[in-house]
C-alpha atoms as a PDB file:
ATOM      1  CA  MET A   1      -0.501  -5.668   7.066  1.00  0.00           C
ATOM      2  CA  MET A   2       0.382  -1.501   7.558  1.00  0.00           C
ATOM      3  CA  SER A   3      -1.191   0.046  10.657  1.00  0.00           C
ATOM      4  CA  ILE A   4      -3.121   2.877  11.314  1.00  0.00           C
ATOM      5  CA  ALA A   5      -0.748   4.686  12.380  1.00  0.00           C
ATOM      6  CA  GLU A   6       1.854   3.621   9.156  1.00  0.00           C
ATOM      7  CA  VAL A   7      -1.119   4.562   6.685  1.00  0.00           C
ATOM      8  CA  LEU A   8      -1.140   8.392   8.594  1.00  0.00           C
ATOM      9  CA  GLU A   9       2.414   8.808   8.878  1.00  0.00           C
ATOM     10  CA  GLY A  10       2.597   8.280   4.915  1.00  0.00           C
ATOM     11  CA  ILE A  11      -0.049  10.380   4.046  1.00  0.00           C
ATOM     12  CA  MET A  12       0.650  13.432   6.679  1.00  0.00           C
ATOM     13  CA  SER A  13       4.306  13.325   5.206  1.00  0.00           C
ATOM     14  CA  THR A  14       3.615  13.737   1.686  1.00  0.00           C
ATOM     15  CA  VAL A  15       3.928  16.771  -0.338  1.00  0.00           C
ATOM     16  CA  THR A  16       2.137  16.161  -3.234  1.00  0.00           C
ATOM     17  CA  ILE A  17      -0.100  13.517  -3.923  1.00  0.00           C
ATOM     18  CA  GLU A  18       0.234  11.820  -6.885  1.00  0.00           C
ATOM     19  CA  LYS A  19      -2.805  10.706  -9.033  1.00  0.00           C
ATOM     20  CA  LYS A  20      -2.607   7.724 -11.917  1.00  0.00           C
ATOM     21  CA  ALA A  21      -6.083   6.022 -13.890  1.00  0.00           C
ATOM     22  CA  VAL A  22      -5.940   2.561 -13.023  1.00  0.00           C
ATOM     23  CA  CYS A  23      -7.066   0.062 -16.045  1.00  0.00           C
ATOM     24  CA  ALA A  24      -6.994  -3.580 -16.500  1.00  0.00           C
ATOM     25  CA  PRO A  25      -7.783  -3.843 -20.601  1.00  0.00           C
ATOM     26  CA  ARG A  26      -7.400  -7.351 -20.969  1.00  0.00           C
ATOM     27  CA  ALA A  27     -10.543  -7.945 -18.474  1.00  0.00           C
ATOM     28  CA  LEU A  28     -12.787  -5.014 -19.127  1.00  0.00           C
ATOM     29  CA  ASN A  29     -12.806  -1.675 -21.087  1.00  0.00           C
ATOM     30  CA  GLU A  30     -12.823   1.943 -20.403  1.00  0.00           C
ATOM     31  CA  ALA A  31     -15.785   3.258 -19.869  1.00  0.00           C
ATOM     32  CA  TYR A  32     -14.963   6.638 -21.607  1.00  0.00           C
ATOM     33  CA  ASP A  33     -15.176   3.842 -24.914  1.00  0.00           C
ATOM     34  CA  TYR A  34     -18.476   3.175 -24.853  1.00  0.00           C
ATOM     35  CA  GLU A  35     -20.446   3.567 -27.780  1.00  0.00           C
ATOM     36  CA  ARG A  36     -22.133   6.783 -25.385  1.00  0.00           C
ATOM     37  CA  PRO A  37     -19.594   7.280 -22.996  1.00  0.00           C
ATOM     38  CA  SER A  38     -19.372   7.673 -19.702  1.00  0.00           C
ATOM     39  CA  SER A  39     -16.805   9.611 -18.061  1.00  0.00           C
ATOM     40  CA  PHE A  40     -14.602   8.143 -15.104  1.00  0.00           C
ATOM     41  CA  SER A  41     -11.802   5.897 -14.509  1.00  0.00           C
ATOM     42  CA  ARG A  42     -12.334   2.127 -13.668  1.00  0.00           C
ATOM     43  CA  ALA A  43      -9.699   3.033 -11.090  1.00  0.00           C
ATOM     44  CA  LEU A  44      -8.055   5.590  -9.455  1.00  0.00           C
ATOM     45  CA  ARG A  45      -4.504   5.348  -7.606  1.00  0.00           C
ATOM     46  CA  LEU A  46      -3.202   7.712  -4.996  1.00  0.00           C
ATOM     47  CA  GLU A  47      -0.016   7.512  -3.641  1.00  0.00           C
ATOM     48  CA  PHE A  48       1.166   9.605  -0.524  1.00  0.00           C
ATOM     49  CA  GLY A  49       4.832   8.718  -0.105  1.00  0.00           C
ATOM     50  CA  ASN A  50       5.298   4.765   0.107  1.00  0.00           C
ATOM     51  CA  VAL A  51       1.377   4.266   0.682  1.00  0.00           C
ATOM     52  CA  VAL A  52      -1.129   3.757  -2.412  1.00  0.00           C
ATOM     53  CA  VAL A  53      -4.714   3.622  -2.408  1.00  0.00           C
ATOM     54  CA  LEU A  54      -6.485   2.426  -5.140  1.00  0.00           C
ATOM     55  CA  LEU A  55     -10.179   4.002  -5.192  1.00  0.00           C
ATOM     56  CA  ILE A  56     -11.951   1.484  -7.644  1.00  0.00           C
ATOM     57  CA  SER A  57     -15.206   2.525  -9.680  1.00  0.00           C
ATOM     58  CA  GLY A  58     -18.496   0.340  -9.340  1.00  0.00           C
ATOM     59  CA  THR A  59     -17.794  -2.640 -11.019  1.00  0.00           C
ATOM     60  CA  ALA A  60     -19.569  -5.092 -12.814  1.00  0.00           C
ATOM     61  CA  SER A  61     -19.899  -8.114 -15.548  1.00  0.00           C
ATOM     62  CA  ILE A  62     -18.734  -6.419 -18.348  1.00  0.00           C
ATOM     63  CA  GLY A  63     -16.137  -7.795 -21.311  1.00  0.00           C
ATOM     64  CA  ALA A  64     -13.038  -6.533 -22.259  1.00  0.00           C
ATOM     65  CA  ASN A  65     -15.399  -4.829 -25.334  1.00  0.00           C
ATOM     66  CA  GLY A  66     -17.568  -3.416 -22.853  1.00  0.00           C
ATOM     67  CA  GLU A  67     -20.599  -5.927 -23.415  1.00  0.00           C
ATOM     68  CA  THR A  68     -22.612  -7.399 -20.171  1.00  0.00           C
ATOM     69  CA  LEU A  69     -21.360 -10.784 -19.390  1.00  0.00           C
ATOM     70  CA  HIS A  70     -24.019 -13.249 -17.812  1.00  0.00           C
ATOM     71  CA  VAL A  71     -27.177 -11.977 -18.544  1.00  0.00           C
ATOM     72  CA  GLY A  72     -29.823 -13.255 -15.975  1.00  0.00           C
ATOM     73  CA  ASP A  73     -27.315 -14.795 -14.446  1.00  0.00           C
ATOM     74  CA  PHE A  74     -26.416 -13.634 -10.741  1.00  0.00           C
ATOM     75  CA  ARG A  75     -23.964 -15.896  -9.513  1.00  0.00           C
ATOM     76  CA  ALA A  76     -21.990 -15.726 -13.111  1.00  0.00           C
ATOM     77  CA  GLN A  77     -21.970 -12.012 -12.721  1.00  0.00           C
ATOM     78  CA  LEU A  78     -20.756 -12.093  -9.256  1.00  0.00           C
ATOM     79  CA  ARG A  79     -18.048 -14.010 -10.465  1.00  0.00           C
ATOM     80  CA  ARG A  80     -17.168 -11.944 -13.397  1.00  0.00           C
ATOM     81  CA  THR A  81     -16.959  -8.896 -11.107  1.00  0.00           C
ATOM     82  CA  PHE A  82     -14.705 -10.215  -8.790  1.00  0.00           C
ATOM     83  CA  ASP A  83     -12.383 -11.295 -11.535  1.00  0.00           C
ATOM     84  CA  ASN A  84     -12.663  -7.792 -13.226  1.00  0.00           C
ATOM     85  CA  ILE A  85     -12.102  -5.869  -9.539  1.00  0.00           C
ATOM     86  CA  THR A  86      -8.988  -8.588  -9.136  1.00  0.00           C
ATOM     87  CA  ALA A  87      -8.200  -7.051 -12.471  1.00  0.00           C
ATOM     88  CA  LEU A  88      -7.863  -4.248 -11.754  1.00  0.00           C
ATOM     89  CA  LEU A  89      -6.040  -4.755  -8.170  1.00  0.00           C
ATOM     90  CA  GLU A  90      -3.259  -7.143  -9.722  1.00  0.00           C
ATOM     91  CA  SER A  91      -2.603  -4.227 -12.383  1.00  0.00           C
ATOM     92  CA  GLU A  92      -1.402  -2.307  -9.472  1.00  0.00           C
ATOM     93  CA  GLY A  93       0.305  -4.485  -7.784  1.00  0.00           C
ATOM     94  CA  ALA A  94      -2.541  -5.485  -5.314  1.00  0.00           C
ATOM     95  CA  THR A  95      -4.415  -8.277  -4.571  1.00  0.00           C
ATOM     96  CA  TRP A  96      -7.694  -8.464  -2.642  1.00  0.00           C
ATOM     97  CA  LYS A  97      -5.546  -8.919   0.742  1.00  0.00           C
ATOM     98  CA  ASP A  98      -5.299  -4.995  -0.152  1.00  0.00           C
ATOM     99  CA  MET A  99      -8.727  -4.261  -0.141  1.00  0.00           C
ATOM    100  CA  VAL A 100     -10.378  -2.575   3.111  1.00  0.00           C
ATOM    101  CA  ARG A 101     -13.357  -1.574   1.683  1.00  0.00           C
ATOM    102  CA  THR A 102     -16.222  -2.619  -0.197  1.00  0.00           C
ATOM    103  CA  THR A 103     -19.549  -1.196  -0.977  1.00  0.00           C
ATOM    104  CA  CYS A 104     -22.238  -4.050  -3.057  1.00  0.00           C
ATOM    105  CA  TYR A 105     -24.998  -2.570  -5.231  1.00  0.00           C
ATOM    106  CA  LEU A 106     -27.780  -4.844  -5.814  1.00  0.00           C
ATOM    107  CA  ARG A 107     -30.705  -4.471  -8.026  1.00  0.00           C
ATOM    108  CA  ASP A 108     -32.531  -6.621  -6.012  1.00  0.00           C
ATOM    109  CA  ILE A 109     -31.301  -7.609  -2.383  1.00  0.00           C
ATOM    110  CA  GLU A 110     -34.282  -9.452  -1.230  1.00  0.00           C
ATOM    111  CA  ARG A 111     -34.285 -11.649  -3.998  1.00  0.00           C
ATOM    112  CA  ASP A 112     -30.770 -12.072  -4.438  1.00  0.00           C
ATOM    113  CA  TYR A 113     -28.318 -11.486  -1.268  1.00  0.00           C
ATOM    114  CA  ALA A 114     -28.361 -14.848   0.021  1.00  0.00           C
ATOM    115  CA  GLU A 115     -26.574 -15.815  -3.217  1.00  0.00           C
ATOM    116  CA  PHE A 116     -24.903 -12.959  -2.688  1.00  0.00           C
ATOM    117  CA  ASN A 117     -23.175 -13.335   0.706  1.00  0.00           C
ATOM    118  CA  GLU A 118     -22.997 -17.182  -0.623  1.00  0.00           C
ATOM    119  CA  GLY A 119     -20.662 -16.008  -3.620  1.00  0.00           C
ATOM    120  CA  ARG A 120     -18.798 -13.547  -1.728  1.00  0.00           C
ATOM    121  CA  THR A 121     -17.847 -16.026   1.694  1.00  0.00           C
ATOM    122  CA  ALA A 122     -16.895 -18.491  -1.115  1.00  0.00           C
ATOM    123  CA  PHE A 123     -14.628 -15.748  -2.864  1.00  0.00           C
ATOM    124  CA  TYR A 124     -13.204 -14.587   0.097  1.00  0.00           C
ATOM    125  CA  ARG A 125     -12.777 -18.208   1.278  1.00  0.00           C
ATOM    126  CA  GLU A 126     -10.683 -18.617  -1.929  1.00  0.00           C
ATOM    127  CA  GLN A 127      -8.822 -15.336  -1.279  1.00  0.00           C
ATOM    128  CA  GLU A 128      -7.799 -16.343   2.141  1.00  0.00           C
ATOM    129  CA  LEU A 129      -9.414 -12.840   3.472  1.00  0.00           C
ATOM    130  CA  ASP A 130      -8.329 -12.257   7.009  1.00  0.00           C
ATOM    131  CA  PRO A 131      -9.455  -9.757   8.194  1.00  0.00           C
ATOM    132  CA  LEU A 132     -12.636  -9.556   5.731  1.00  0.00           C
ATOM    133  CA  PRO A 133     -12.872  -5.828   4.412  1.00  0.00           C
ATOM    134  CA  ALA A 134     -15.587  -3.412   5.873  1.00  0.00           C
ATOM    135  CA  SER A 135     -18.413  -3.700   3.181  1.00  0.00           C
ATOM    136  CA  THR A 136     -21.934  -2.421   2.736  1.00  0.00           C
ATOM    137  CA  GLY A 137     -24.647  -3.715   0.288  1.00  0.00           C
ATOM    138  CA  ILE A 138     -27.147  -1.299  -1.140  1.00  0.00           C
ATOM    139  CA  GLN A 139     -30.284  -2.201  -3.046  1.00  0.00           C
ATOM    140  CA  ALA A 140     -29.846   0.255  -6.354  1.00  0.00           C
ATOM    141  CA  ILE A 141     -30.876   0.408  -9.827  1.00  0.00           C
ATOM    142  CA  LEU A 142     -27.808   0.105 -11.822  1.00  0.00           C
ATOM    143  CA  CYS A 143     -26.368   1.657 -14.866  1.00  0.00           C
ATOM    144  CA  ARG A 144     -27.678  -1.217 -16.956  1.00  0.00           C
ATOM    145  CA  PRO A 145     -31.029  -3.034 -16.788  1.00  0.00           C
ATOM    146  CA  GLU A 146     -29.001  -6.230 -17.121  1.00  0.00           C
ATOM    147  CA  LEU A 147     -26.808  -5.609 -14.686  1.00  0.00           C
ATOM    148  CA  LEU A 148     -27.882  -7.754 -11.272  1.00  0.00           C
ATOM    149  CA  VAL A 149     -24.704  -6.930  -9.383  1.00  0.00           C
ATOM    150  CA  GLU A 150     -21.551  -3.784  -8.800  1.00  0.00           C
ATOM    151  CA  ILE A 151     -18.975  -3.144  -6.286  1.00  0.00           C
ATOM    152  CA  GLU A 152     -16.462  -0.853  -6.004  1.00  0.00           C
ATOM    153  CA  GLY A 153     -13.932  -0.566  -3.313  1.00  0.00           C
ATOM    154  CA  ILE A 154     -10.726   0.820  -1.544  1.00  0.00           C
ATOM    155  CA  ALA A 155      -7.754  -0.809  -1.342  1.00  0.00           C
ATOM    156  CA  VAL A 156      -4.404   0.796   0.934  1.00  0.00           C
ATOM    157  CA  PHE A 157      -0.991  -0.781   0.241  1.00  0.00           C
ATOM    158  CA  ARG A 158       2.715  -0.103   0.832  1.00  0.00           C
ATOM    159  CA  THR A 159       4.870   0.316  -2.048  1.00  0.00           C
ATOM    160  CA  GLY A 160       8.076  -0.143   0.294  1.00  0.00           C
ATOM    161  CA  PRO A 161       9.531  -0.930   3.784  1.00  0.00           C
ATOM    162  CA  PRO A 162       7.811   0.285   6.981  1.00  0.00           C
ATOM    163  CA  SER A 163       8.977   3.412   8.447  1.00  0.00           C
ATOM    164  CA  GLU A 164      11.648   2.991  11.191  1.00  0.00           C
ATOM    165  CA  GLU A 165      10.849   4.930  14.249  1.00  0.00           C
END
């Protein structure tokens, strides 16, 4: 686990910030490949020396061909959303243990929050997360009417050994 001091040291000692689009085409397609393209990257990888920050865009129950999966099934959509984020993390050598922040958008927070929290808690237990990521839950109209949940996240990890002081 990285300390805040290590993250800040990596950021402060960086002359240039390397940026790279992240994708996981076996899990979900790129939004710019949609029939009606949407202009964003699935995630961005920012490198600050040996510290990497992954900024994961809002991710939902989308299939490899851009189709919405599990229409009407909140629990299945939530699981697919977690699977899609997992694929993005894995494509860059990260795991859920590197996730420091999530923002969770629910179409109907009053109806779905209890089921969301049960599913998230079960998934986080599977991942053996300790501590849990910081998180915010928001009710929102999502980009497709059939989507019930969307999650964005920030992951931070080191690519090399910790710096010696």
